[in-house]
PDB file of N, CA and C in Angstrom:
ATOM      1  N   MET A   1       0.778  -1.239  -0.297  1.00  0.00           N
ATOM      2  CA  MET A   1      -0.126   0.024   0.325  1.00  0.00           C
ATOM      3  C   MET A   1       1.136   1.713  -0.570  1.00  0.00           C
ATOM      4  N   PRO A   2       0.369   2.014  -0.789  1.00  0.00           N
ATOM      5  CA  PRO A   2       1.180   3.915  -0.979  1.00  0.00           C
ATOM      6  C   PRO A   2       1.494   4.040   0.635  1.00  0.00           C
ATOM      7  N   GLU A   3       2.383   4.182   0.901  1.00  0.00           N
ATOM      8  CA  GLU A   3       2.501   5.612   1.734  1.00  0.00           C
ATOM      9  C   GLU A   3       1.938   6.979   1.614  1.00  0.00           C
ATOM     10  N   PRO A   4       0.551   7.295   2.773  1.00  0.00           N
ATOM     11  CA  PRO A   4       0.540   8.737   2.616  1.00  0.00           C
ATOM     12  C   PRO A   4       1.539  10.291   2.314  1.00  0.00           C
ATOM     13  N   SER A   5       1.445  10.976   1.556  1.00  0.00           N
ATOM     14  CA  SER A   5       1.943  11.974   0.835  1.00  0.00           C
ATOM     15  C   SER A   5       2.299  12.720   2.246  1.00  0.00           C
ATOM     16  N   SER A   6       4.032  12.979   2.336  1.00  0.00           N
ATOM     17  CA  SER A   6       3.962  13.769   3.330  1.00  0.00           C
ATOM     18  C   SER A   6       3.733  15.395   3.334  1.00  0.00           C
ATOM     19  N   ARG A   7       3.670  16.194   2.259  1.00  0.00           N
ATOM     20  CA  ARG A   7       3.496  17.314   1.774  1.00  0.00           C
ATOM     21  C   ARG A   7       1.759  17.647   2.436  1.00  0.00           C
ATOM     22  N   THR A   8       1.806  18.417   3.249  1.00  0.00           N
ATOM     23  CA  THR A   8       0.642  19.114   3.738  1.00  0.00           C
ATOM     24  C   THR A   8      -0.134  19.538   2.442  1.00  0.00           C
ATOM     25  N   ARG A   9      -1.810  19.017   2.332  1.00  0.00           N
ATOM     26  CA  ARG A   9      -2.625  19.923   1.829  1.00  0.00           C
ATOM     27  C   ARG A   9      -3.192  21.369   2.083  1.00  0.00           C
ATOM     28  N   ARG A  10      -2.650  22.259   0.112  1.00  0.00           N
ATOM     29  CA  ARG A  10      -3.468  23.166  -0.008  1.00  0.00           C
ATOM     30  C   ARG A  10      -4.831  23.816   0.114  1.00  0.00           C
ATOM     31  N   VAL A  11      -5.134  24.715   0.990  1.00  0.00           N
ATOM     32  CA  VAL A  11      -6.550  24.578   1.070  1.00  0.00           C
ATOM     33  C   VAL A  11      -6.490  25.752   0.123  1.00  0.00           C
ATOM     34  N   VAL A  12      -7.970  25.404  -0.916  1.00  0.00           N
ATOM     35  CA  VAL A  12      -8.431  26.667  -2.279  1.00  0.00           C
ATOM     36  C   VAL A  12      -8.692  27.779  -1.020  1.00  0.00           C
ATOM     37  N   GLN A  13      -8.141  28.411  -1.111  1.00  0.00           N
ATOM     38  CA  GLN A  13      -8.944  29.884  -0.677  1.00  0.00           C
ATOM     39  C   GLN A  13      -9.978  30.095  -1.604  1.00  0.00           C
ATOM     40  N   THR A  14     -11.242  30.043  -1.806  1.00  0.00           N
ATOM     41  CA  THR A  14     -12.180  30.559  -2.973  1.00  0.00           C
ATOM     42  C   THR A  14     -12.634  32.251  -2.283  1.00  0.00           C
ATOM     43  N   LEU A  15     -14.044  32.362  -2.999  1.00  0.00           N
ATOM     44  CA  LEU A  15     -14.031  34.184  -2.962  1.00  0.00           C
ATOM     45  C   LEU A  15     -15.368  34.184  -1.419  1.00  0.00           C
ATOM     46  N   ASN A  16     -15.970  33.967  -0.860  1.00  0.00           N
ATOM     47  CA  ASN A  16     -16.533  33.636   0.038  1.00  0.00           C
ATOM     48  C   ASN A  16     -16.039  33.189   1.433  1.00  0.00           C
ATOM     49  N   ARG A  17     -14.901  32.692   1.052  1.00  0.00           N
ATOM     50  CA  ARG A  17     -13.833  31.593   2.540  1.00  0.00           C
ATOM     51  C   ARG A  17     -13.154  33.968   2.807  1.00  0.00           C
ATOM     52  N   ALA A  18     -13.176  33.450   1.488  1.00  0.00           N
ATOM     53  CA  ALA A  18     -11.923  34.838   2.029  1.00  0.00           C
ATOM     54  C   ALA A  18     -12.889  36.291   2.491  1.00  0.00           C
ATOM     55  N   HIS A  19     -15.037  36.213   2.174  1.00  0.00           N
ATOM     56  CA  HIS A  19     -15.135  37.585   2.608  1.00  0.00           C
ATOM     57  C   HIS A  19     -15.596  37.158   3.298  1.00  0.00           C
ATOM     58  N   GLU A  20     -15.912  35.978   4.770  1.00  0.00           N
ATOM     59  CA  GLU A  20     -15.719  35.415   5.739  1.00  0.00           C
ATOM     60  C   GLU A  20     -14.738  35.927   6.693  1.00  0.00           C
ATOM     61  N   ILE A  21     -13.290  35.693   6.470  1.00  0.00           N
ATOM     62  CA  ILE A  21     -12.400  35.916   7.656  1.00  0.00           C
ATOM     63  C   ILE A  21     -12.237  37.861   6.917  1.00  0.00           C
ATOM     64  N   GLY A  22     -12.534  38.032   6.094  1.00  0.00           N
ATOM     65  CA  GLY A  22     -12.586  39.671   6.201  1.00  0.00           C
ATOM     66  C   GLY A  22     -11.407  40.647   5.135  1.00  0.00           C
ATOM     67  N   GLN A  23     -10.860  39.183   4.439  1.00  0.00           N
ATOM     68  CA  GLN A  23      -9.294  39.741   3.417  1.00  0.00           C
ATOM     69  C   GLN A  23     -10.311  40.772   2.457  1.00  0.00           C
ATOM     70  N   LEU A  24      -9.174  41.116   1.182  1.00  0.00           N
ATOM     71  CA  LEU A  24      -9.833  41.896   0.198  1.00  0.00           C
ATOM     72  C   LEU A  24      -9.202  41.750  -1.045  1.00  0.00           C
ATOM     73  N   ILE A  25      -9.132  41.347  -2.601  1.00  0.00           N
ATOM     74  CA  ILE A  25      -8.693  41.167  -3.534  1.00  0.00           C
ATOM     75  C   ILE A  25      -8.247  41.885  -4.044  1.00  0.00           C
ATOM     76  N   ARG A  26      -6.406  41.778  -4.864  1.00  0.00           N
ATOM     77  CA  ARG A  26      -5.431  43.170  -5.182  1.00  0.00           C
ATOM     78  C   ARG A  26      -5.346  42.613  -6.486  1.00  0.00           C
ATOM     79  N   VAL A  27      -6.210  43.548  -7.524  1.00  0.00           N
ATOM     80  CA  VAL A  27      -6.039  42.914  -8.666  1.00  0.00           C
ATOM     81  C   VAL A  27      -5.079  44.242  -9.917  1.00  0.00           C
ATOM     82  N   ARG A  28      -4.503  43.528 -10.544  1.00  0.00           N
ATOM     83  CA  ARG A  28      -2.810  44.898 -11.080  1.00  0.00           C
ATOM     84  C   ARG A  28      -2.805  44.455 -12.238  1.00  0.00           C
ATOM     85  N   CYS A  29      -3.495  45.575 -13.222  1.00  0.00           N
ATOM     86  CA  CYS A  29      -3.318  45.439 -14.522  1.00  0.00           C
ATOM     87  C   CYS A  29      -1.803  45.226 -14.533  1.00  0.00           C
ATOM     88  N   ILE A  30      -1.302  43.863 -15.712  1.00  0.00           N
ATOM     89  CA  ILE A  30       0.163  43.603 -16.049  1.00  0.00           C
ATOM     90  C   ILE A  30       0.169  45.180 -16.473  1.00  0.00           C
ATOM     91  N   ASN A  31      -0.690  45.898 -17.694  1.00  0.00           N
ATOM     92  CA  ASN A  31       0.143  45.889 -19.230  1.00  0.00           C
ATOM     93  C   ASN A  31      -0.065  47.486 -18.121  1.00  0.00           C
ATOM     94  N   CYS A  32      -1.010  48.102 -18.308  1.00  0.00           N
ATOM     95  CA  CYS A  32      -1.215  49.856 -16.951  1.00  0.00           C
ATOM     96  C   CYS A  32      -0.936  49.897 -16.016  1.00  0.00           C
ATOM     97  N   ASN A  33      -0.727  49.209 -14.864  1.00  0.00           N
ATOM     98  CA  ASN A  33       0.034  48.422 -13.735  1.00  0.00           C
ATOM     99  C   ASN A  33      -0.888  49.388 -13.425  1.00  0.00           C
ATOM    100  N   VAL A  34      -2.411  49.613 -12.680  1.00  0.00           N
ATOM    101  CA  VAL A  34      -3.308  49.914 -12.360  1.00  0.00           C
ATOM    102  C   VAL A  34      -3.785  48.791 -11.584  1.00  0.00           C
ATOM    103  N   THR A  35      -3.927  49.065 -10.137  1.00  0.00           N
ATOM    104  CA  THR A  35      -4.387  48.395  -8.975  1.00  0.00           C
ATOM    105  C   THR A  35      -5.573  48.848  -7.809  1.00  0.00           C
ATOM    106  N   ARG A  36      -6.651  47.890  -8.308  1.00  0.00           N
ATOM    107  CA  ARG A  36      -7.195  48.180  -7.039  1.00  0.00           C
ATOM    108  C   ARG A  36      -8.152  47.194  -6.102  1.00  0.00           C
ATOM    109  N   HIS A  37      -8.117  47.749  -5.473  1.00  0.00           N
ATOM    110  CA  HIS A  37      -9.025  46.465  -4.852  1.00  0.00           C
ATOM    111  C   HIS A  37     -10.720  45.867  -4.278  1.00  0.00           C
ATOM    112  N   TYR A  38     -10.995  44.850  -3.913  1.00  0.00           N
ATOM    113  CA  TYR A  38     -11.887  44.539  -4.167  1.00  0.00           C
ATOM    114  C   TYR A  38     -12.703  43.589  -3.010  1.00  0.00           C
ATOM    115  N   LEU A  39     -13.925  43.485  -2.969  1.00  0.00           N
ATOM    116  CA  LEU A  39     -14.478  42.861  -1.635  1.00  0.00           C
ATOM    117  C   LEU A  39     -14.653  41.392  -2.370  1.00  0.00           C
ATOM    118  N   PRO A  40     -14.076  40.408  -1.328  1.00  0.00           N
ATOM    119  CA  PRO A  40     -14.544  38.845  -1.887  1.00  0.00           C
ATOM    120  C   PRO A  40     -15.791  38.852  -2.045  1.00  0.00           C
ATOM    121  N   GLY A  41     -17.044  40.171  -1.740  1.00  0.00           N
ATOM    122  CA  GLY A  41     -18.228  39.350  -1.276  1.00  0.00           C
ATOM    123  C   GLY A  41     -18.611  40.238  -2.319  1.00  0.00           C
ATOM    124  N   ASP A  42     -18.560  40.995  -3.180  1.00  0.00           N
ATOM    125  CA  ASP A  42     -19.059  41.790  -4.554  1.00  0.00           C
ATOM    126  C   ASP A  42     -18.484  40.795  -5.945  1.00  0.00           C
ATOM    127  N   LEU A  43     -17.220  40.026  -5.459  1.00  0.00           N
ATOM    128  CA  LEU A  43     -16.611  39.515  -6.525  1.00  0.00           C
ATOM    129  C   LEU A  43     -17.579  38.057  -7.289  1.00  0.00           C
ATOM    130  N   ALA A  44     -17.634  38.154  -5.766  1.00  0.00           N
ATOM    131  CA  ALA A  44     -18.636  36.858  -6.027  1.00  0.00           C
ATOM    132  C   ALA A  44     -20.267  36.652  -5.783  1.00  0.00           C
ATOM    133  N   LYS A  45     -20.923  37.387  -5.694  1.00  0.00           N
ATOM    134  CA  LYS A  45     -21.686  37.462  -6.606  1.00  0.00           C
ATOM    135  C   LYS A  45     -22.003  37.586  -7.715  1.00  0.00           C
ATOM    136  N   LEU A  46     -20.358  38.861  -8.790  1.00  0.00           N
ATOM    137  CA  LEU A  46     -20.307  37.648 -10.443  1.00  0.00           C
ATOM    138  C   LEU A  46     -20.382  36.909 -11.093  1.00  0.00           C
ATOM    139  N   MET A  47     -19.053  36.256 -10.445  1.00  0.00           N
ATOM    140  CA  MET A  47     -18.293  35.149 -10.918  1.00  0.00           C
ATOM    141  C   MET A  47     -18.803  34.079 -10.060  1.00  0.00           C
ATOM    142  N   GLY A  48     -19.235  34.108  -8.957  1.00  0.00           N
ATOM    143  CA  GLY A  48     -19.606  32.276  -8.121  1.00  0.00           C
ATOM    144  C   GLY A  48     -18.358  32.716  -6.984  1.00  0.00           C
ATOM    145  N   ASP A  49     -18.838  31.779  -6.439  1.00  0.00           N
ATOM    146  CA  ASP A  49     -17.550  31.294  -5.025  1.00  0.00           C
ATOM    147  C   ASP A  49     -16.574  30.463  -6.097  1.00  0.00           C
ATOM    148  N   ILE A  50     -15.117  30.699  -7.244  1.00  0.00           N
ATOM    149  CA  ILE A  50     -14.494  30.740  -7.472  1.00  0.00           C
ATOM    150  C   ILE A  50     -12.808  30.940  -6.720  1.00  0.00           C
ATOM    151  N   PRO A  51     -11.974  30.183  -6.523  1.00  0.00           N
ATOM    152  CA  PRO A  51     -10.523  30.494  -6.309  1.00  0.00           C
ATOM    153  C   PRO A  51     -10.271  31.907  -6.406  1.00  0.00           C
ATOM    154  N   PHE A  52      -9.289  33.108  -5.472  1.00  0.00           N
ATOM    155  CA  PHE A  52      -9.226  34.468  -5.763  1.00  0.00           C
ATOM    156  C   PHE A  52      -8.218  34.052  -7.267  1.00  0.00           C
ATOM    157  N   TRP A  53      -7.444  33.272  -7.122  1.00  0.00           N
ATOM    158  CA  TRP A  53      -6.942  33.178  -8.598  1.00  0.00           C
ATOM    159  C   TRP A  53      -7.570  32.889  -9.946  1.00  0.00           C
ATOM    160  N   ASP A  54      -8.648  32.303  -9.677  1.00  0.00           N
ATOM    161  CA  ASP A  54      -9.197  32.776 -11.152  1.00  0.00           C
ATOM    162  C   ASP A  54     -10.367  34.332 -11.779  1.00  0.00           C
ATOM    163  N   VAL A  55     -10.137  34.920 -10.601  1.00  0.00           N
ATOM    164  CA  VAL A  55     -10.767  35.730 -11.151  1.00  0.00           C
ATOM    165  C   VAL A  55     -10.209  36.779 -12.509  1.00  0.00           C
ATOM    166  N   GLU A  56      -9.258  36.751 -12.210  1.00  0.00           N
ATOM    167  CA  GLU A  56      -8.206  37.110 -13.921  1.00  0.00           C
ATOM    168  C   GLU A  56      -8.878  36.644 -15.137  1.00  0.00           C
ATOM    169  N   ARG A  57      -9.436  35.339 -15.272  1.00  0.00           N
ATOM    170  CA  ARG A  57     -10.215  34.635 -16.121  1.00  0.00           C
ATOM    171  C   ARG A  57     -11.596  35.680 -16.966  1.00  0.00           C
ATOM    172  N   HIS A  58     -12.048  36.278 -15.057  1.00  0.00           N
ATOM    173  CA  HIS A  58     -13.313  36.808 -16.073  1.00  0.00           C
ATOM    174  C   HIS A  58     -13.712  38.357 -15.559  1.00  0.00           C
ATOM    175  N   MET A  59     -12.342  38.975 -15.826  1.00  0.00           N
ATOM    176  CA  MET A  59     -12.287  40.444 -15.512  1.00  0.00           C
ATOM    177  C   MET A  59     -11.119  40.301 -16.922  1.00  0.00           C
ATOM    178  N   ARG A  60     -11.592  42.496 -17.300  1.00  0.00           N
ATOM    179  CA  ARG A  60     -10.869  42.987 -18.598  1.00  0.00           C
ATOM    180  C   ARG A  60     -10.799  44.322 -18.202  1.00  0.00           C
ATOM    181  N   CYS A  61      -9.227  44.802 -17.882  1.00  0.00           N
ATOM    182  CA  CYS A  61      -8.723  46.004 -17.723  1.00  0.00           C
ATOM    183  C   CYS A  61     -10.335  46.861 -18.435  1.00  0.00           C
ATOM    184  N   GLU A  62      -9.955  48.335 -17.643  1.00  0.00           N
ATOM    185  CA  GLU A  62     -11.071  49.163 -17.668  1.00  0.00           C
ATOM    186  C   GLU A  62     -10.623  49.950 -18.216  1.00  0.00           C
ATOM    187  N   ARG A  63      -9.046  50.488 -18.951  1.00  0.00           N
ATOM    188  CA  ARG A  63      -8.186  51.097 -19.347  1.00  0.00           C
ATOM    189  C   ARG A  63      -8.028  50.561 -20.551  1.00  0.00           C
ATOM    190  N   CYS A  64      -7.227  49.247 -20.343  1.00  0.00           N
ATOM    191  CA  CYS A  64      -6.318  49.276 -21.540  1.00  0.00           C
ATOM    192  C   CYS A  64      -7.392  47.908 -22.483  1.00  0.00           C
ATOM    193  N   ARG A  65      -8.064  47.515 -21.581  1.00  0.00           N
ATOM    194  CA  ARG A  65      -9.433  46.538 -22.425  1.00  0.00           C
ATOM    195  C   ARG A  65      -8.474  44.500 -22.762  1.00  0.00           C
ATOM    196  N   ARG A  66      -7.314  44.974 -21.779  1.00  0.00           N
ATOM    197  CA  ARG A  66      -6.797  43.263 -21.791  1.00  0.00           C
ATOM    198  C   ARG A  66      -7.194  42.718 -20.906  1.00  0.00           C
ATOM    199  N   ARG A  67      -6.721  41.142 -19.782  1.00  0.00           N
ATOM    200  CA  ARG A  67      -6.910  40.499 -19.886  1.00  0.00           C
ATOM    201  C   ARG A  67      -5.906  40.043 -18.610  1.00  0.00           C
ATOM    202  N   GLU A  68      -4.647  40.811 -18.202  1.00  0.00           N
ATOM    203  CA  GLU A  68      -3.504  40.149 -17.930  1.00  0.00           C
ATOM    204  C   GLU A  68      -3.410  41.208 -16.470  1.00  0.00           C
ATOM    205  N   PHE A  69      -3.919  39.980 -15.965  1.00  0.00           N
ATOM    206  CA  PHE A  69      -3.753  39.924 -14.148  1.00  0.00           C
ATOM    207  C   PHE A  69      -2.782  40.039 -13.182  1.00  0.00           C
ATOM    208  N   ASP A  70      -2.111  40.298 -12.436  1.00  0.00           N
ATOM    209  CA  ASP A  70      -1.910  39.960 -11.251  1.00  0.00           C
ATOM    210  C   ASP A  70      -2.355  39.982  -9.782  1.00  0.00           C
ATOM    211  N   VAL A  71      -3.543  39.107  -9.829  1.00  0.00           N
ATOM    212  CA  VAL A  71      -4.215  38.254  -8.535  1.00  0.00           C
ATOM    213  C   VAL A  71      -3.983  38.066  -7.001  1.00  0.00           C
ATOM    214  N   ASP A  72      -3.827  38.984  -6.397  1.00  0.00           N
ATOM    215  CA  ASP A  72      -3.182  39.043  -4.463  1.00  0.00           C
ATOM    216  C   ASP A  72      -4.801  38.978  -3.877  1.00  0.00           C
ATOM    217  N   ILE A  73      -3.872  38.003  -2.784  1.00  0.00           N
ATOM    218  CA  ILE A  73      -5.464  38.052  -1.411  1.00  0.00           C
ATOM    219  C   ILE A  73      -4.685  39.143  -0.214  1.00  0.00           C
ATOM    220  N   LEU A  74      -5.434  39.461  -0.317  1.00  0.00           N
ATOM    221  CA  LEU A  74      -4.449  40.163   1.307  1.00  0.00           C
ATOM    222  C   LEU A  74      -5.351  40.048   2.590  1.00  0.00           C
ATOM    223  N   LEU A  75      -5.049  40.450   3.804  1.00  0.00           N
ATOM    224  CA  LEU A  75      -5.474  40.320   4.854  1.00  0.00           C
ATOM    225  C   LEU A  75      -4.789  41.833   5.926  1.00  0.00           C
ATOM    226  N   PRO A  76      -5.854  43.555   5.059  1.00  0.00           N
ATOM    227  CA  PRO A  76      -4.843  44.154   6.191  1.00  0.00           C
ATOM    228  C   PRO A  76      -5.543  44.395   7.182  1.00  0.00           C
ATOM    229  N   SER A  77      -4.437  45.135   8.012  1.00  0.00           N
ATOM    230  CA  SER A  77      -5.166  45.440   9.390  1.00  0.00           C
ATOM    231  C   SER A  77      -5.589  46.904   9.196  1.00  0.00           C
ATOM    232  N   ALA A  78      -6.007  47.469  10.399  1.00  0.00           N
ATOM    233  CA  ALA A  78      -7.382  49.048  10.731  1.00  0.00           C
ATOM    234  C   ALA A  78      -6.545  49.753   9.737  1.00  0.00           C
ATOM    235  N   ALA A  79      -5.204  50.174   9.969  1.00  0.00           N
ATOM    236  CA  ALA A  79      -4.588  51.130  10.078  1.00  0.00           C
ATOM    237  C   ALA A  79      -4.440  50.723   8.437  1.00  0.00           C
ATOM    238  N   GLN A  80      -3.561  50.101   8.103  1.00  0.00           N
ATOM    239  CA  GLN A  80      -3.601  49.529   6.351  1.00  0.00           C
ATOM    240  C   GLN A  80      -5.016  49.616   5.432  1.00  0.00           C
ATOM    241  N   ARG A  81      -6.058  49.627   6.121  1.00  0.00           N
ATOM    242  CA  ARG A  81      -7.351  49.429   5.823  1.00  0.00           C
ATOM    243  C   ARG A  81      -8.390  50.929   5.624  1.00  0.00           C
ATOM    244  N   VAL A  82      -7.506  52.131   5.965  1.00  0.00           N
ATOM    245  CA  VAL A  82      -7.946  53.016   6.433  1.00  0.00           C
ATOM    246  C   VAL A  82      -7.752  53.238   4.993  1.00  0.00           C
ATOM    247  N   ASN A  83      -6.371  53.215   4.617  1.00  0.00           N
ATOM    248  CA  ASN A  83      -5.483  53.946   3.298  1.00  0.00           C
ATOM    249  C   ASN A  83      -6.395  53.163   2.032  1.00  0.00           C
ATOM    250  N   ILE A  84      -6.823  52.010   2.038  1.00  0.00           N
ATOM    251  CA  ILE A  84      -7.139  51.268   0.796  1.00  0.00           C
ATOM    252  C   ILE A  84      -8.617  51.253   0.480  1.00  0.00           C
ATOM    253  N   GLN A  85      -8.312  52.106  -1.479  1.00  0.00           N
ATOM    254  CA  GLN A  85      -9.766  52.750  -1.502  1.00  0.00           C
ATOM    255  C   GLN A  85     -10.430  51.144  -2.072  1.00  0.00           C
ATOM    256  N   ILE A  86     -11.511  50.344  -1.807  1.00  0.00           N
ATOM    257  CA  ILE A  86     -11.323  49.370  -2.139  1.00  0.00           C
ATOM    258  C   ILE A  86     -13.423  50.177  -3.384  1.00  0.00           C
ATOM    259  N   ARG A  87     -12.867  49.338  -4.486  1.00  0.00           N
ATOM    260  CA  ARG A  87     -14.355  49.192  -5.147  1.00  0.00           C
ATOM    261  C   ARG A  87     -15.419  48.366  -4.781  1.00  0.00           C
ATOM    262  N   ARG A  88     -16.493  48.805  -4.399  1.00  0.00           N
ATOM    263  CA  ARG A  88     -17.159  48.235  -4.136  1.00  0.00           C
ATOM    264  C   ARG A  88     -18.035  48.198  -5.163  1.00  0.00           C
ATOM    265  N   LEU A  89     -19.099  47.029  -4.993  1.00  0.00           N
ATOM    266  CA  LEU A  89     -20.060  46.872  -6.241  1.00  0.00           C
ATOM    267  C   LEU A  89     -21.468  47.697  -6.434  1.00  0.00           C
ATOM    268  N   VAL A  90     -21.919  48.039  -6.817  1.00  0.00           N
ATOM    269  CA  VAL A  90     -23.459  48.854  -6.735  1.00  0.00           C
ATOM    270  C   VAL A  90     -24.182  48.256  -7.524  1.00  0.00           C
ATOM    271  N   GLY A  91     -24.038  48.229  -8.623  1.00  0.00           N
ATOM    272  CA  GLY A  91     -24.978  47.551  -9.775  1.00  0.00           C
ATOM    273  C   GLY A  91     -24.974  46.449 -10.997  1.00  0.00           C
ATOM    274  N   VAL A  92     -25.596  45.533 -11.517  1.00  0.00           N
ATOM    275  CA  VAL A  92     -24.821  45.040 -12.908  1.00  0.00           C
ATOM    276  C   VAL A  92     -25.794  44.930 -13.667  1.00  0.00           C
ATOM    277  N   ARG A  93     -25.328  45.753 -14.885  1.00  0.00           N
ATOM    278  CA  ARG A  93     -26.757  46.071 -15.913  1.00  0.00           C
ATOM    279  C   ARG A  93     -26.332  45.280 -17.018  1.00  0.00           C
ATOM    280  N   ILE A  94     -26.623  44.768 -17.835  1.00  0.00           N
ATOM    281  CA  ILE A  94     -27.367  43.464 -19.106  1.00  0.00           C
ATOM    282  C   ILE A  94     -27.037  44.405 -20.090  1.00  0.00           C
ATOM    283  N   VAL A  95     -26.277  44.230 -20.966  1.00  0.00           N
ATOM    284  CA  VAL A  95     -26.343  45.148 -22.397  1.00  0.00           C
ATOM    285  C   VAL A  95     -26.795  43.904 -24.129  1.00  0.00           C
ATOM    286  N   ARG A  96     -28.360  44.468 -24.127  1.00  0.00           N
ATOM    287  CA  ARG A  96     -28.816  44.084 -25.154  1.00  0.00           C
ATOM    288  C   ARG A  96     -28.449  44.219 -26.601  1.00  0.00           C
ATOM    289  N   ARG A  97     -27.126  43.208 -26.916  1.00  0.00           N
ATOM    290  CA  ARG A  97     -27.602  43.425 -28.268  1.00  0.00           C
ATOM    291  C   ARG A  97     -27.862  43.007 -29.239  1.00  0.00           C
ATOM    292  N   VAL A  98     -28.404  43.700 -30.613  1.00  0.00           N
ATOM    293  CA  VAL A  98     -28.542  42.350 -31.904  1.00  0.00           C
ATOM    294  C   VAL A  98     -27.948  42.306 -32.532  1.00  0.00           C
ATOM    295  N   MET A  99     -27.921  40.809 -33.217  1.00  0.00           N
ATOM    296  CA  MET A  99     -27.703  39.992 -33.710  1.00  0.00           C
ATOM    297  C   MET A  99     -28.466  40.014 -35.347  1.00  0.00           C
ATOM    298  N   TRP A 100     -28.113  40.259 -36.245  1.00  0.00           N
ATOM    299  CA  TRP A 100     -28.476  39.790 -37.778  1.00  0.00           C
ATOM    300  C   TRP A 100     -27.490  38.998 -38.726  1.00  0.00           C
ATOM    301  N   LYS A 101     -28.605  38.049 -39.479  1.00  0.00           N
ATOM    302  CA  LYS A 101     -28.128  37.292 -40.110  1.00  0.00           C
ATOM    303  C   LYS A 101     -28.505  36.926 -42.092  1.00  0.00           C
ATOM    304  N   ASP A 102     -27.891  37.787 -42.364  1.00  0.00           N
ATOM    305  CA  ASP A 102     -28.923  37.481 -43.534  1.00  0.00           C
ATOM    306  C   ASP A 102     -28.756  36.551 -43.964  1.00  0.00           C
ATOM    307  N   ASP A 103     -30.452  36.200 -44.539  1.00  0.00           N
ATOM    308  CA  ASP A 103     -30.436  34.243 -45.176  1.00  0.00           C
ATOM    309  C   ASP A 103     -30.251  35.562 -47.295  1.00  0.00           C
ATOM    310  N   ALA A 104     -29.172  33.846 -47.998  1.00  0.00           N
ATOM    311  CA  ALA A 104     -29.710  33.600 -49.641  1.00  0.00           C
ATOM    312  C   ALA A 104     -31.061  33.594 -49.621  1.00  0.00           C
ATOM    313  N   PRO A 105     -31.535  34.729 -50.854  1.00  0.00           N
ATOM    314  CA  PRO A 105     -32.273  34.395 -51.721  1.00  0.00           C
ATOM    315  C   PRO A 105     -33.140  33.370 -51.931  1.00  0.00           C
ATOM    316  N   ASN A 106     -34.070  32.916 -52.363  1.00  0.00           N
ATOM    317  CA  ASN A 106     -34.296  31.767 -52.876  1.00  0.00           C
ATOM    318  C   ASN A 106     -34.417  31.390 -54.548  1.00  0.00           C
ATOM    319  N   ASP A 107     -34.324  30.925 -55.269  1.00  0.00           N
ATOM    320  CA  ASP A 107     -34.396  30.859 -55.915  1.00  0.00           C
ATOM    321  C   ASP A 107     -34.874  30.222 -57.209  1.00  0.00           C
TER     322      ASP A 107
END
C-alpha cells in the first residue's frame, strides 16, 4: 500500500471564504499598472464562489481592455485598510446586442 504524502494539503481559498475572513482581493493590470481592491463578496456575486486566482479570467481592464492581471489576496490591518480605496459593486447592467443574419435569396 502506498504511503501517504508528507506534503500538507493546500486549502483552496475561495471568494466566499475570503469574504468571511475579511480579506481583500488586489487586482493589478500588468499592462497599464492600475491596482484596484475589491471585496471578495462582491466578486462572488458576479463570478460565483471560485478560487481567487481565477478572478483574472473573468475580468477585463477598464483602461486598456486586456485580460492580463496579477491577482493577490490580502488581509490588511485596520491602519492599512483606512488608506485602501475599495471598489464596491453598485449594480449589474446587462447590455442587449442585436445580431442579424442575412438569408440567401431563394431561386
